[in-house]
Amino acid sequence: MVGTVEWAARLAERYLAPALPRRWQHVRSVAAKAHQLSPLVGDDAEALVAAAWLHDMGYAPDIVATGFHSLDGARWLLRHAAADLRLASLVAHHSCASYEADEWGLGQVLRSEFFQEESPTSDALWYADMTTGPDGQDLSVEERLAEIRERYGPDSIVTRFWRRAEPALLGAVSRTQCRMAAYPM
């Protein structure tokens, strides 16, 4: 676990910390939360924590290509960072990204290049991301969605996709909370 996780943390810091300090704070907190959740995924702990470090790489100015951060980050990880397809796919599809991809007209592209995993690992990644605010603060998923809607405004593409994606997100969060209740941490 240590090798891939340390590599992911260094890579995220290199591209996010200097250019996007607020995003970096969010990513650091998501990774810390993913680490806390890692007992829920057993042997998949390394993949979970590494994906948490890398999930917002596509926001880095040196990485942006299409403007859709999930796709940009995942493509960059495959092409320039030698990440494996599974790790890149977890990044590509984190936190209901397929819904956002559809809004950008990139849904078919995302699905053709990266598989969408439905597993305790992907659920835990979504949970960690969507219960962590933009400054790294702990939030409920409802608070996080309200914060996103307020930050982006009612007519934003982000707000539109979350209206459709909310049931899927709440399902992943609920499944993770059930696993947390069954496996006290």
Protein backbone atom coordinates (compact mmCIF):
# COMPACT_ATOMS: atom_id res chain seq x y z
CA MET A 1 0.00 0.00 0.00
CA VAL A 2 2.69 2.46 0.91
CA GLY A 3 4.41 2.65 -2.49
CA THR A 4 1.40 3.54 -4.62
CA VAL A 5 -0.16 5.76 -1.97
CA GLU A 6 3.06 7.72 -1.43
CA TRP A 7 3.49 8.07 -5.20
CA ALA A 8 -0.10 9.34 -5.55
CA ALA A 9 0.30 11.80 -2.67
CA ARG A 10 3.53 13.23 -4.12
CA LEU A 11 2.01 13.52 -7.59
CA ALA A 12 -1.11 15.28 -6.29
CA GLU A 13 0.96 17.66 -4.19
CA ARG A 14 3.24 18.51 -7.11
CA TYR A 15 0.39 19.47 -9.43
CA LEU A 16 -2.25 20.79 -7.02
CA ALA A 17 -0.57 22.40 -4.01
CA PRO A 18 1.20 25.31 -5.72
CA ALA A 19 -1.48 26.16 -8.27
CA LEU A 20 -4.68 25.33 -6.39
CA PRO A 21 -4.13 25.50 -2.62
CA ARG A 22 -7.82 25.31 -1.76
CA ARG A 23 -8.30 22.25 -3.98
CA TRP A 24 -5.15 20.78 -2.42
CA GLN A 25 -6.66 21.16 1.06
CA HIS A 26 -9.79 19.35 -0.12
CA VAL A 27 -7.73 16.53 -1.67
CA ARG A 28 -5.60 16.11 1.47
CA SER A 29 -8.74 15.78 3.58
CA VAL A 30 -10.40 13.36 1.15
CA ALA A 31 -7.29 11.19 1.22
CA ALA A 32 -7.22 11.26 5.04
CA LYS A 33 -10.86 10.23 5.15
CA ALA A 34 -10.25 7.47 2.59
CA HIS A 35 -7.41 6.19 4.76
CA GLN A 36 -9.83 6.03 7.71
CA LEU A 37 -12.30 4.11 5.54
CA SER A 38 -9.67 1.70 4.19
CA PRO A 39 -10.57 -1.15 6.60
CA LEU A 40 -13.95 -1.31 4.84
CA VAL A 41 -12.34 -2.38 1.57
CA GLY A 42 -9.74 -4.87 2.82
CA ASP A 43 -7.10 -5.62 0.21
CA ASP A 44 -8.35 -2.69 -1.87
CA ALA A 45 -7.18 -0.08 0.66
CA GLU A 46 -4.25 0.99 -1.52
CA ALA A 47 -6.48 1.61 -4.53
CA LEU A 48 -8.95 3.59 -2.43
CA VAL A 49 -6.39 5.89 -0.84
CA ALA A 50 -4.40 6.39 -4.04
CA ALA A 51 -7.59 7.26 -5.95
CA ALA A 52 -8.51 9.74 -3.21
CA TRP A 53 -5.17 11.51 -3.61
CA LEU A 54 -5.59 11.63 -7.39
CA HIS A 55 -9.32 12.20 -7.84
CA ASP A 56 -9.05 15.93 -8.63
CA MET A 57 -5.83 15.92 -10.68
CA GLY A 58 -7.77 17.09 -13.72
CA TYR A 59 -8.20 20.53 -12.15
CA ALA A 60 -4.44 21.18 -12.27
CA PRO A 61 -3.67 23.87 -14.85
CA ASP A 62 -0.95 21.73 -16.45
CA ILE A 63 -3.39 18.85 -16.90
CA VAL A 64 -6.65 20.50 -18.04
CA ALA A 65 -7.54 19.49 -21.60
CA THR A 66 -11.32 19.23 -22.09
CA GLY A 67 -12.32 21.19 -18.98
CA PHE A 68 -13.98 18.10 -17.49
CA HIS A 69 -11.68 17.31 -14.58
CA SER A 70 -12.55 13.62 -14.12
CA LEU A 71 -11.76 12.75 -17.73
CA ASP A 72 -8.74 15.06 -17.97
CA GLY A 73 -7.21 13.66 -14.78
CA ALA A 74 -7.80 10.03 -15.71
CA ARG A 75 -6.38 10.45 -19.21
CA TRP A 76 -3.34 12.26 -17.88
CA LEU A 77 -2.73 9.58 -15.26
CA LEU A 78 -2.70 6.88 -17.95
CA ARG A 79 -0.59 8.77 -20.46
CA HIS A 80 1.88 10.67 -18.30
CA ALA A 81 2.00 9.06 -14.89
CA ALA A 82 1.92 5.35 -15.76
CA ALA A 83 -1.17 4.71 -13.61
CA ASP A 84 -3.02 1.48 -14.23
CA LEU A 85 -6.43 1.46 -15.89
CA ARG A 86 -8.29 0.61 -12.70
CA LEU A 87 -6.86 3.56 -10.78
CA ALA A 88 -7.51 5.88 -13.70
CA SER A 89 -11.07 4.53 -13.97
CA LEU A 90 -11.74 5.19 -10.28
CA VAL A 91 -10.59 8.77 -10.89
CA ALA A 92 -12.59 9.05 -14.12
CA HIS A 93 -15.85 7.97 -12.52
CA HIS A 94 -15.54 9.41 -9.02
CA SER A 95 -18.57 11.03 -7.43
CA CYS A 96 -21.12 10.52 -10.20
CA ALA A 97 -18.80 11.81 -12.91
CA SER A 98 -20.76 10.02 -15.64
CA TYR A 99 -23.69 12.38 -15.02
CA GLU A 100 -21.43 15.41 -15.38
CA ALA A 101 -19.84 13.88 -18.48
CA ASP A 102 -23.28 13.62 -20.07
CA GLU A 103 -23.86 17.34 -19.39
CA TRP A 104 -20.54 18.17 -21.10
CA GLY A 105 -21.39 15.91 -24.06
CA LEU A 106 -18.55 13.59 -23.04
CA GLY A 107 -20.51 10.69 -21.55
CA GLN A 108 -19.84 8.24 -24.37
CA VAL A 109 -16.17 9.21 -24.43
CA LEU A 110 -15.82 8.68 -20.68
CA ARG A 111 -17.59 5.31 -20.78
CA SER A 112 -15.62 4.10 -23.81
CA GLU A 113 -12.23 4.93 -22.28
CA PHE A 114 -12.83 4.07 -18.61
CA PHE A 115 -14.94 1.41 -16.94
CA GLN A 116 -17.28 2.38 -14.14
CA GLU A 117 -16.75 0.22 -11.11
CA GLU A 118 -19.53 -0.41 -8.63
CA SER A 119 -17.84 -1.66 -5.49
CA PRO A 120 -17.21 -0.86 -1.84
CA THR A 121 -14.04 0.90 -3.03
CA SER A 122 -15.80 3.24 -5.44
CA ASP A 123 -18.55 3.84 -2.86
CA ALA A 124 -15.96 4.77 -0.22
CA LEU A 125 -14.19 7.13 -2.64
CA TRP A 126 -17.47 8.88 -3.42
CA TYR A 127 -18.26 9.06 0.30
CA ALA A 128 -14.86 10.55 1.15
CA ASP A 129 -15.15 13.15 -1.61
CA MET A 130 -18.76 14.10 -1.05
CA THR A 131 -18.51 14.45 2.73
CA THR A 132 -15.50 16.76 2.50
CA GLY A 133 -15.93 20.45 1.77
CA PRO A 134 -13.81 22.61 -0.51
CA ASP A 135 -11.59 23.67 2.39
CA GLY A 136 -11.25 20.14 3.76
CA GLN A 137 -13.98 20.44 6.36
CA ASP A 138 -16.22 17.50 7.27
CA LEU A 139 -19.75 17.88 5.94
CA SER A 140 -22.76 15.65 5.60
CA VAL A 141 -23.53 14.74 2.01
CA GLU A 142 -26.59 16.99 2.21
CA GLU A 143 -24.43 19.92 3.38
CA ARG A 144 -21.93 19.22 0.62
CA LEU A 145 -24.60 19.20 -2.07
CA ALA A 146 -26.06 22.45 -0.71
CA GLU A 147 -22.57 24.01 -0.66
CA ILE A 148 -21.99 22.97 -4.29
CA ARG A 149 -25.34 24.38 -5.41
CA GLU A 150 -24.66 27.65 -3.62
CA ARG A 151 -21.11 27.94 -4.96
CA TYR A 152 -22.01 27.20 -8.57
CA GLY A 153 -25.50 28.74 -8.75
CA PRO A 154 -28.83 27.36 -9.97
CA ASP A 155 -28.09 27.42 -13.71
CA SER A 156 -24.62 25.87 -13.63
CA ILE A 157 -23.82 22.64 -15.43
CA VAL A 158 -22.61 21.32 -12.07
CA THR A 159 -25.92 22.06 -10.36
CA ARG A 160 -27.83 20.49 -13.27
CA PHE A 161 -25.89 17.24 -13.17
CA TRP A 162 -26.25 16.94 -9.38
CA ARG A 163 -30.04 17.11 -9.69
CA ARG A 164 -29.91 13.91 -11.75
CA ALA A 165 -27.00 12.30 -9.91
CA GLU A 166 -28.18 12.78 -6.34
CA PRO A 167 -29.95 9.38 -5.99
CA ALA A 168 -26.84 7.51 -7.16
CA LEU A 169 -24.61 9.51 -4.84
CA LEU A 170 -26.91 9.00 -1.86
CA GLY A 171 -26.91 5.27 -2.61
CA ALA A 172 -23.09 5.11 -2.49
CA VAL A 173 -23.01 7.15 0.71
CA SER A 174 -25.69 4.98 2.32
CA ARG A 175 -23.89 1.76 1.40
CA THR A 176 -20.66 3.14 2.88
CA GLN A 177 -22.44 4.22 6.06
CA CYS A 178 -23.90 0.70 6.40
CA ARG A 179 -20.42 -0.78 6.02
CA MET A 180 -19.12 1.68 8.63
CA ALA A 181 -21.86 0.62 11.05
CA ALA A 182 -21.04 -3.06 10.47
CA TYR A 183 -17.31 -2.46 10.88
CA PRO A 184 -16.79 -0.02 13.75
CA MET A 185 -13.71 2.09 13.19
